[in-house]
PDB file of N, CA and C in Angstrom:
ATOM      1  N   MET A   1     -28.672 -10.696 -60.272  1.00  0.00           N
ATOM      2  CA  MET A   1     -28.057  -9.990 -61.397  1.00  0.00           C
ATOM      3  C   MET A   1     -28.945  -8.819 -61.813  1.00  0.00           C
ATOM      4  N   ILE A   2     -28.331  -7.735 -62.192  1.00  0.00           N
ATOM      5  CA  ILE A   2     -29.050  -6.533 -62.604  1.00  0.00           C
ATOM      6  C   ILE A   2     -29.177  -6.540 -64.123  1.00  0.00           C
ATOM      7  N   THR A   3     -30.394  -6.575 -64.592  1.00  0.00           N
ATOM      8  CA  THR A   3     -30.662  -6.533 -66.032  1.00  0.00           C
ATOM      9  C   THR A   3     -31.230  -5.170 -66.395  1.00  0.00           C
ATOM     10  N   PRO A   4     -31.165  -4.779 -67.678  1.00  0.00           N
ATOM     11  CA  PRO A   4     -31.664  -3.463 -68.087  1.00  0.00           C
ATOM     12  C   PRO A   4     -33.140  -3.223 -67.754  1.00  0.00           C
ATOM     13  N   ASP A   5     -33.942  -4.293 -67.707  1.00  0.00           N
ATOM     14  CA  ASP A   5     -35.362  -4.116 -67.422  1.00  0.00           C
ATOM     15  C   ASP A   5     -35.718  -4.376 -65.953  1.00  0.00           C
ATOM     16  N   ALA A   6     -34.710  -4.621 -65.103  1.00  0.00           N
ATOM     17  CA  ALA A   6     -34.958  -4.801 -63.666  1.00  0.00           C
ATOM     18  C   ALA A   6     -35.486  -3.490 -63.088  1.00  0.00           C
ATOM     19  N   ARG A   7     -36.291  -3.612 -62.055  1.00  0.00           N
ATOM     20  CA  ARG A   7     -36.863  -2.447 -61.371  1.00  0.00           C
ATOM     21  C   ARG A   7     -36.431  -2.497 -59.896  1.00  0.00           C
ATOM     22  N   PRO A   8     -35.196  -2.063 -59.626  1.00  0.00           N
ATOM     23  CA  PRO A   8     -34.684  -2.175 -58.255  1.00  0.00           C
ATOM     24  C   PRO A   8     -35.440  -1.265 -57.292  1.00  0.00           C
ATOM     25  N   CYS A   9     -35.559  -1.736 -56.058  1.00  0.00           N
ATOM     26  CA  CYS A   9     -36.147  -0.903 -55.013  1.00  0.00           C
ATOM     27  C   CYS A   9     -35.368  -1.125 -53.718  1.00  0.00           C
ATOM     28  N   MET A  10     -35.436  -0.136 -52.855  1.00  0.00           N
ATOM     29  CA  MET A  10     -34.724  -0.207 -51.581  1.00  0.00           C
ATOM     30  C   MET A  10     -35.305  -1.312 -50.718  1.00  0.00           C
ATOM     31  N   SER A  11     -34.443  -1.983 -50.004  1.00  0.00           N
ATOM     32  CA  SER A  11     -34.878  -2.971 -49.029  1.00  0.00           C
ATOM     33  C   SER A  11     -35.574  -2.238 -47.881  1.00  0.00           C
ATOM     34  N   PRO A  12     -36.636  -2.813 -47.332  1.00  0.00           N
ATOM     35  CA  PRO A  12     -37.315  -2.148 -46.213  1.00  0.00           C
ATOM     36  C   PRO A  12     -36.447  -2.049 -44.959  1.00  0.00           C
ATOM     37  N   ARG A  13     -35.337  -2.763 -44.920  1.00  0.00           N
ATOM     38  CA  ARG A  13     -34.421  -2.690 -43.772  1.00  0.00           C
ATOM     39  C   ARG A  13     -33.576  -1.425 -43.786  1.00  0.00           C
ATOM     40  N   PHE A  14     -33.602  -0.681 -44.896  1.00  0.00           N
ATOM     41  CA  PHE A  14     -32.756   0.509 -45.040  1.00  0.00           C
ATOM     42  C   PHE A  14     -33.616   1.743 -45.300  1.00  0.00           C
ATOM     43  N   HIS A  15     -33.121   2.869 -44.822  1.00  0.00           N
ATOM     44  CA  HIS A  15     -33.822   4.136 -45.005  1.00  0.00           C
ATOM     45  C   HIS A  15     -32.793   5.200 -45.381  1.00  0.00           C
ATOM     46  N   MET A  16     -33.075   5.922 -46.448  1.00  0.00           N
ATOM     47  CA  MET A  16     -32.186   7.014 -46.862  1.00  0.00           C
ATOM     48  C   MET A  16     -32.704   8.326 -46.306  1.00  0.00           C
ATOM     49  N   GLN A  17     -31.779   9.149 -45.834  1.00  0.00           N
ATOM     50  CA  GLN A  17     -32.173  10.488 -45.422  1.00  0.00           C
ATOM     51  C   GLN A  17     -30.996  11.435 -45.584  1.00  0.00           C
ATOM     52  N   PHE A  18     -31.339  12.711 -45.760  1.00  0.00           N
ATOM     53  CA  PHE A  18     -30.312  13.740 -45.886  1.00  0.00           C
ATOM     54  C   PHE A  18     -29.973  14.250 -44.499  1.00  0.00           C
ATOM     55  N   GLU A  19     -28.684  14.300 -44.199  1.00  0.00           N
ATOM     56  CA  GLU A  19     -28.197  14.818 -42.925  1.00  0.00           C
ATOM     57  C   GLU A  19     -27.640  16.217 -43.147  1.00  0.00           C
ATOM     58  N   PRO A  20     -28.423  17.248 -42.804  1.00  0.00           N
ATOM     59  CA  PRO A  20     -27.974  18.626 -43.072  1.00  0.00           C
ATOM     60  C   PRO A  20     -26.682  18.998 -42.357  1.00  0.00           C
ATOM     61  N   THR A  21     -26.472  18.465 -41.150  1.00  0.00           N
ATOM     62  CA  THR A  21     -25.245  18.821 -40.426  1.00  0.00           C
ATOM     63  C   THR A  21     -24.005  18.277 -41.116  1.00  0.00           C
ATOM     64  N   GLN A  22     -24.168  17.166 -41.842  1.00  0.00           N
ATOM     65  CA  GLN A  22     -23.054  16.578 -42.581  1.00  0.00           C
ATOM     66  C   GLN A  22     -23.098  16.960 -44.055  1.00  0.00           C
ATOM     67  N   ASP A  23     -24.190  17.592 -44.464  1.00  0.00           N
ATOM     68  CA  ASP A  23     -24.399  18.006 -45.855  1.00  0.00           C
ATOM     69  C   ASP A  23     -24.235  16.817 -46.805  1.00  0.00           C
ATOM     70  N   ARG A  24     -24.879  15.687 -46.431  1.00  0.00           N
ATOM     71  CA  ARG A  24     -24.787  14.494 -47.272  1.00  0.00           C
ATOM     72  C   ARG A  24     -25.935  13.546 -46.963  1.00  0.00           C
ATOM     73  N   TRP A  25     -26.139  12.644 -47.909  1.00  0.00           N
ATOM     74  CA  TRP A  25     -27.130  11.586 -47.755  1.00  0.00           C
ATOM     75  C   TRP A  25     -26.498  10.429 -47.013  1.00  0.00           C
ATOM     76  N   VAL A  26     -27.318   9.774 -46.179  1.00  0.00           N
ATOM     77  CA  VAL A  26     -26.877   8.585 -45.479  1.00  0.00           C
ATOM     78  C   VAL A  26     -27.922   7.488 -45.666  1.00  0.00           C
ATOM     79  N   LEU A  27     -27.473   6.274 -45.528  1.00  0.00           N
ATOM     80  CA  LEU A  27     -28.331   5.102 -45.588  1.00  0.00           C
ATOM     81  C   LEU A  27     -28.340   4.513 -44.183  1.00  0.00           C
ATOM     82  N   LEU A  28     -29.507   4.550 -43.535  1.00  0.00           N
ATOM     83  CA  LEU A  28     -29.632   4.090 -42.155  1.00  0.00           C
ATOM     84  C   LEU A  28     -30.144   2.655 -42.108  1.00  0.00           C
ATOM     85  N   PHE A  29     -29.634   1.899 -41.157  1.00  0.00           N
ATOM     86  CA  PHE A  29     -30.114   0.545 -40.918  1.00  0.00           C
ATOM     87  C   PHE A  29     -29.869   0.236 -39.438  1.00  0.00           C
ATOM     88  N   ALA A  30     -30.402  -0.878 -38.962  1.00  0.00           N
ATOM     89  CA  ALA A  30     -30.363  -1.188 -37.524  1.00  0.00           C
ATOM     90  C   ALA A  30     -28.960  -1.152 -36.936  1.00  0.00           C
ATOM     91  N   GLU A  31     -27.975  -1.616 -37.704  1.00  0.00           N
ATOM     92  CA  GLU A  31     -26.613  -1.711 -37.174  1.00  0.00           C
ATOM     93  C   GLU A  31     -25.802  -0.435 -37.344  1.00  0.00           C
ATOM     94  N   GLY A  32     -26.318   0.565 -38.027  1.00  0.00           N
ATOM     95  CA  GLY A  32     -25.547   1.792 -38.210  1.00  0.00           C
ATOM     96  C   GLY A  32     -25.980   2.594 -39.411  1.00  0.00           C
ATOM     97  N   LEU A  33     -25.003   3.170 -40.073  1.00  0.00           N
ATOM     98  CA  LEU A  33     -25.284   3.993 -41.246  1.00  0.00           C
ATOM     99  C   LEU A  33     -24.136   3.949 -42.224  1.00  0.00           C
ATOM    100  N   VAL A  34     -24.471   4.292 -43.460  1.00  0.00           N
ATOM    101  CA  VAL A  34     -23.487   4.363 -44.535  1.00  0.00           C
ATOM    102  C   VAL A  34     -23.548   5.764 -45.104  1.00  0.00           C
ATOM    103  N   HIS A  35     -22.410   6.438 -45.185  1.00  0.00           N
ATOM    104  CA  HIS A  35     -22.342   7.739 -45.832  1.00  0.00           C
ATOM    105  C   HIS A  35     -22.327   7.512 -47.343  1.00  0.00           C
ATOM    106  N   LEU A  36     -23.179   8.238 -48.047  1.00  0.00           N
ATOM    107  CA  LEU A  36     -23.270   8.079 -49.499  1.00  0.00           C
ATOM    108  C   LEU A  36     -22.661   9.280 -50.207  1.00  0.00           C
ATOM    109  N   ASN A  37     -21.931   9.032 -51.283  1.00  0.00           N
ATOM    110  CA  ASN A  37     -21.480  10.148 -52.099  1.00  0.00           C
ATOM    111  C   ASN A  37     -22.641  10.575 -52.995  1.00  0.00           C
ATOM    112  N   ALA A  38     -22.498  11.689 -53.672  1.00  0.00           N
ATOM    113  CA  ALA A  38     -23.595  12.240 -54.467  1.00  0.00           C
ATOM    114  C   ALA A  38     -24.097  11.281 -55.548  1.00  0.00           C
ATOM    115  N   PRO A  39     -23.206  10.649 -56.327  1.00  0.00           N
ATOM    116  CA  PRO A  39     -23.721   9.717 -57.340  1.00  0.00           C
ATOM    117  C   PRO A  39     -24.487   8.539 -56.730  1.00  0.00           C
ATOM    118  N   ALA A  40     -23.998   7.981 -55.640  1.00  0.00           N
ATOM    119  CA  ALA A  40     -24.687   6.858 -54.999  1.00  0.00           C
ATOM    120  C   ALA A  40     -26.073   7.282 -54.534  1.00  0.00           C
ATOM    121  N   ALA A  41     -26.171   8.458 -53.931  1.00  0.00           N
ATOM    122  CA  ALA A  41     -27.467   8.962 -53.472  1.00  0.00           C
ATOM    123  C   ALA A  41     -28.414   9.177 -54.652  1.00  0.00           C
ATOM    124  N   GLU A  42     -27.907   9.733 -55.734  1.00  0.00           N
ATOM    125  CA  GLU A  42     -28.751   9.956 -56.921  1.00  0.00           C
ATOM    126  C   GLU A  42     -29.284   8.640 -57.472  1.00  0.00           C
ATOM    127  N   ILE A  43     -28.444   7.620 -57.480  1.00  0.00           N
ATOM    128  CA  ILE A  43     -28.877   6.317 -57.988  1.00  0.00           C
ATOM    129  C   ILE A  43     -29.932   5.719 -57.054  1.00  0.00           C
ATOM    130  N   LEU A  44     -29.630   5.665 -55.764  1.00  0.00           N
ATOM    131  CA  LEU A  44     -30.541   5.021 -54.824  1.00  0.00           C
ATOM    132  C   LEU A  44     -31.881   5.731 -54.715  1.00  0.00           C
ATOM    133  N   GLN A  45     -31.887   7.053 -54.871  1.00  0.00           N
ATOM    134  CA  GLN A  45     -33.154   7.788 -54.821  1.00  0.00           C
ATOM    135  C   GLN A  45     -34.094   7.364 -55.946  1.00  0.00           C
ATOM    136  N   ARG A  46     -33.549   6.847 -57.004  1.00  0.00           N
ATOM    137  CA  ARG A  46     -34.357   6.430 -58.155  1.00  0.00           C
ATOM    138  C   ARG A  46     -34.766   4.953 -58.081  1.00  0.00           C
ATOM    139  N   CYS A  47     -34.280   4.251 -57.092  1.00  0.00           N
ATOM    140  CA  CYS A  47     -34.612   2.829 -56.937  1.00  0.00           C
ATOM    141  C   CYS A  47     -35.921   2.708 -56.170  1.00  0.00           C
ATOM    142  N   ASP A  48     -37.009   2.940 -56.873  1.00  0.00           N
ATOM    143  CA  ASP A  48     -38.333   2.968 -56.264  1.00  0.00           C
ATOM    144  C   ASP A  48     -39.218   1.794 -56.687  1.00  0.00           C
ATOM    145  N   GLY A  49     -38.661   0.871 -57.467  1.00  0.00           N
ATOM    146  CA  GLY A  49     -39.435  -0.265 -57.929  1.00  0.00           C
ATOM    147  C   GLY A  49     -40.284   0.017 -59.149  1.00  0.00           C
ATOM    148  N   ARG A  50     -40.323   1.263 -59.580  1.00  0.00           N
ATOM    149  CA  ARG A  50     -41.091   1.644 -60.779  1.00  0.00           C
ATOM    150  C   ARG A  50     -40.183   1.847 -61.981  1.00  0.00           C
ATOM    151  N   ARG A  51     -39.005   2.438 -61.750  1.00  0.00           N
ATOM    152  CA  ARG A  51     -38.087   2.719 -62.839  1.00  0.00           C
ATOM    153  C   ARG A  51     -37.245   1.486 -63.166  1.00  0.00           C
ATOM    154  N   THR A  52     -37.006   1.283 -64.452  1.00  0.00           N
ATOM    155  CA  THR A  52     -36.085   0.218 -64.858  1.00  0.00           C
ATOM    156  C   THR A  52     -34.653   0.747 -64.745  1.00  0.00           C
ATOM    157  N   VAL A  53     -33.716  -0.164 -64.805  1.00  0.00           N
ATOM    158  CA  VAL A  53     -32.305   0.242 -64.780  1.00  0.00           C
ATOM    159  C   VAL A  53     -32.023   1.187 -65.941  1.00  0.00           C
ATOM    160  N   ASP A  54     -32.535   0.864 -67.125  1.00  0.00           N
ATOM    161  CA  ASP A  54     -32.319   1.744 -68.281  1.00  0.00           C
ATOM    162  C   ASP A  54     -32.909   3.131 -68.052  1.00  0.00           C
ATOM    163  N   GLU A  55     -34.055   3.229 -67.400  1.00  0.00           N
ATOM    164  CA  GLU A  55     -34.651   4.539 -67.114  1.00  0.00           C
ATOM    165  C   GLU A  55     -33.816   5.305 -66.097  1.00  0.00           C
ATOM    166  N   ILE A  56     -33.312   4.607 -65.106  1.00  0.00           N
ATOM    167  CA  ILE A  56     -32.448   5.242 -64.107  1.00  0.00           C
ATOM    168  C   ILE A  56     -31.192   5.789 -64.782  1.00  0.00           C
ATOM    169  N   VAL A  57     -30.576   4.989 -65.627  1.00  0.00           N
ATOM    170  CA  VAL A  57     -29.374   5.421 -66.344  1.00  0.00           C
ATOM    171  C   VAL A  57     -29.672   6.649 -67.194  1.00  0.00           C
ATOM    172  N   ALA A  58     -30.767   6.635 -67.924  1.00  0.00           N
ATOM    173  CA  ALA A  58     -31.120   7.768 -68.793  1.00  0.00           C
ATOM    174  C   ALA A  58     -31.295   9.049 -67.971  1.00  0.00           C
ATOM    175  N   GLU A  59     -31.964   8.949 -66.827  1.00  0.00           N
ATOM    176  CA  GLU A  59     -32.138  10.125 -65.966  1.00  0.00           C
ATOM    177  C   GLU A  59     -30.798  10.636 -65.451  1.00  0.00           C
ATOM    178  N   LEU A  60     -29.934   9.718 -65.034  1.00  0.00           N
ATOM    179  CA  LEU A  60     -28.636  10.123 -64.491  1.00  0.00           C
ATOM    180  C   LEU A  60     -27.745  10.753 -65.557  1.00  0.00           C
ATOM    181  N   GLU A  61     -27.838  10.275 -66.774  1.00  0.00           N
ATOM    182  CA  GLU A  61     -27.044  10.873 -67.854  1.00  0.00           C
ATOM    183  C   GLU A  61     -27.479  12.309 -68.094  1.00  0.00           C
ATOM    184  N   ILE A  62     -28.748  12.614 -67.854  1.00  0.00           N
ATOM    185  CA  ILE A  62     -29.225  13.997 -67.965  1.00  0.00           C
ATOM    186  C   ILE A  62     -28.755  14.812 -66.767  1.00  0.00           C
ATOM    187  N   VAL A  63     -28.937  14.269 -65.561  1.00  0.00           N
ATOM    188  CA  VAL A  63     -28.562  14.980 -64.332  1.00  0.00           C
ATOM    189  C   VAL A  63     -27.082  15.338 -64.327  1.00  0.00           C
ATOM    190  N   PHE A  64     -26.240  14.382 -64.705  1.00  0.00           N
ATOM    191  CA  PHE A  64     -24.793  14.600 -64.654  1.00  0.00           C
ATOM    192  C   PHE A  64     -24.209  15.086 -65.978  1.00  0.00           C
ATOM    193  N   SER A  65     -25.057  15.232 -66.993  1.00  0.00           N
ATOM    194  CA  SER A  65     -24.593  15.663 -68.321  1.00  0.00           C
ATOM    195  C   SER A  65     -23.385  14.854 -68.768  1.00  0.00           C
ATOM    196  N   GLN A  66     -23.510  13.557 -68.617  1.00  0.00           N
ATOM    197  CA  GLN A  66     -22.385  12.672 -68.941  1.00  0.00           C
ATOM    198  C   GLN A  66     -22.916  11.350 -69.491  1.00  0.00           C
ATOM    199  N   THR A  67     -22.275  10.873 -70.523  1.00  0.00           N
ATOM    200  CA  THR A  67     -22.599   9.555 -71.070  1.00  0.00           C
ATOM    201  C   THR A  67     -21.304   8.854 -71.433  1.00  0.00           C
ATOM    202  N   PRO A  68     -21.264   7.590 -71.504  1.00  0.00           N
ATOM    203  CA  PRO A  68     -22.275   6.645 -71.029  1.00  0.00           C
ATOM    204  C   PRO A  68     -22.064   6.355 -69.550  1.00  0.00           C
ATOM    205  N   LEU A  69     -23.161   6.153 -68.828  1.00  0.00           N
ATOM    206  CA  LEU A  69     -23.081   5.822 -67.403  1.00  0.00           C
ATOM    207  C   LEU A  69     -23.588   4.408 -67.100  1.00  0.00           C
ATOM    208  N   HIS A  70     -24.064   3.723 -68.108  1.00  0.00           N
ATOM    209  CA  HIS A  70     -24.698   2.423 -67.892  1.00  0.00           C
ATOM    210  C   HIS A  70     -23.828   1.457 -67.086  1.00  0.00           C
ATOM    211  N   ASP A  71     -22.599   1.253 -67.506  1.00  0.00           N
ATOM    212  CA  ASP A  71     -21.742   0.273 -66.824  1.00  0.00           C
ATOM    213  C   ASP A  71     -21.488   0.658 -65.370  1.00  0.00           C
ATOM    214  N   ASP A  72     -21.217   1.950 -65.114  1.00  0.00           N
ATOM    215  CA  ASP A  72     -20.969   2.403 -63.742  1.00  0.00           C
ATOM    216  C   ASP A  72     -22.199   2.208 -62.863  1.00  0.00           C
ATOM    217  N   VAL A  73     -23.376   2.524 -63.394  1.00  0.00           N
ATOM    218  CA  VAL A  73     -24.615   2.381 -62.626  1.00  0.00           C
ATOM    219  C   VAL A  73     -24.882   0.905 -62.335  1.00  0.00           C
ATOM    220  N   VAL A  74     -24.698   0.055 -63.316  1.00  0.00           N
ATOM    221  CA  VAL A  74     -24.939  -1.378 -63.122  1.00  0.00           C
ATOM    222  C   VAL A  74     -23.972  -1.954 -62.088  1.00  0.00           C
ATOM    223  N   VAL A  75     -22.731  -1.545 -62.119  1.00  0.00           N
ATOM    224  CA  VAL A  75     -21.762  -2.011 -61.112  1.00  0.00           C
ATOM    225  C   VAL A  75     -22.222  -1.589 -59.720  1.00  0.00           C
ATOM    226  N   PHE A  76     -22.611  -0.322 -59.575  1.00  0.00           N
ATOM    227  CA  PHE A  76     -23.068   0.153 -58.269  1.00  0.00           C
ATOM    228  C   PHE A  76     -24.323  -0.600 -57.822  1.00  0.00           C
ATOM    229  N   LEU A  77     -25.296  -0.749 -58.719  1.00  0.00           N
ATOM    230  CA  LEU A  77     -26.529  -1.452 -58.365  1.00  0.00           C
ATOM    231  C   LEU A  77     -26.246  -2.898 -57.971  1.00  0.00           C
ATOM    232  N   SER A  78     -25.327  -3.541 -58.653  1.00  0.00           N
ATOM    233  CA  SER A  78     -24.956  -4.922 -58.312  1.00  0.00           C
ATOM    234  C   SER A  78     -24.349  -4.984 -56.913  1.00  0.00           C
ATOM    235  N   GLN A  79     -23.489  -4.039 -56.596  1.00  0.00           N
ATOM    236  CA  GLN A  79     -22.879  -3.998 -55.266  1.00  0.00           C
ATOM    237  C   GLN A  79     -23.931  -3.707 -54.195  1.00  0.00           C
ATOM    238  N   ALA A  80     -24.845  -2.789 -54.491  1.00  0.00           N
ATOM    239  CA  ALA A  80     -25.914  -2.459 -53.538  1.00  0.00           C
ATOM    240  C   ALA A  80     -26.815  -3.675 -53.305  1.00  0.00           C
ATOM    241  N   LEU A  81     -27.082  -4.423 -54.345  1.00  0.00           N
ATOM    242  CA  LEU A  81     -27.886  -5.639 -54.232  1.00  0.00           C
ATOM    243  C   LEU A  81     -27.174  -6.675 -53.361  1.00  0.00           C
ATOM    244  N   GLN A  82     -25.871  -6.848 -53.577  1.00  0.00           N
ATOM    245  CA  GLN A  82     -25.082  -7.800 -52.781  1.00  0.00           C
ATOM    246  C   GLN A  82     -25.047  -7.396 -51.300  1.00  0.00           C
ATOM    247  N   ARG A  83     -25.052  -6.103 -51.045  1.00  0.00           N
ATOM    248  CA  ARG A  83     -25.010  -5.613 -49.654  1.00  0.00           C
ATOM    249  C   ARG A  83     -26.391  -5.635 -48.987  1.00  0.00           C
ATOM    250  N   GLY A  84     -27.405  -5.963 -49.764  1.00  0.00           N
ATOM    251  CA  GLY A  84     -28.752  -6.028 -49.212  1.00  0.00           C
ATOM    252  C   GLY A  84     -29.494  -4.711 -49.191  1.00  0.00           C
ATOM    253  N   TRP A  85     -28.908  -3.673 -49.789  1.00  0.00           N
ATOM    254  CA  TRP A  85     -29.571  -2.373 -49.820  1.00  0.00           C
ATOM    255  C   TRP A  85     -30.783  -2.386 -50.739  1.00  0.00           C
ATOM    256  N   LEU A  86     -30.733  -3.232 -51.762  1.00  0.00           N
ATOM    257  CA  LEU A  86     -31.798  -3.302 -52.766  1.00  0.00           C
ATOM    258  C   LEU A  86     -32.418  -4.685 -52.778  1.00  0.00           C
ATOM    259  N   GLN A  87     -33.596  -4.723 -53.340  1.00  0.00           N
ATOM    260  CA  GLN A  87     -34.252  -6.013 -53.573  1.00  0.00           C
ATOM    261  C   GLN A  87     -34.891  -5.999 -54.937  1.00  0.00           C
TER     262      GLN A  87
END
């Protein structure tokens, strides 16, 4: 479960990189890759194990000039955790 004080980080099985030919971020893993939309990439880039969920949300609300984003971010983080992208 994702709590406001959780500090999500990427699983070592996954690697994010920008693909210039596709002009998008992708998440690479042994079995393939996942194309990420801009919000997903922005969220995952902040999952470094240092930032809390609340800090990630606050940064994203500034980046996207939109509030509230908490529920959307938590839903995405929960799905990413279930898929094994985060730990």
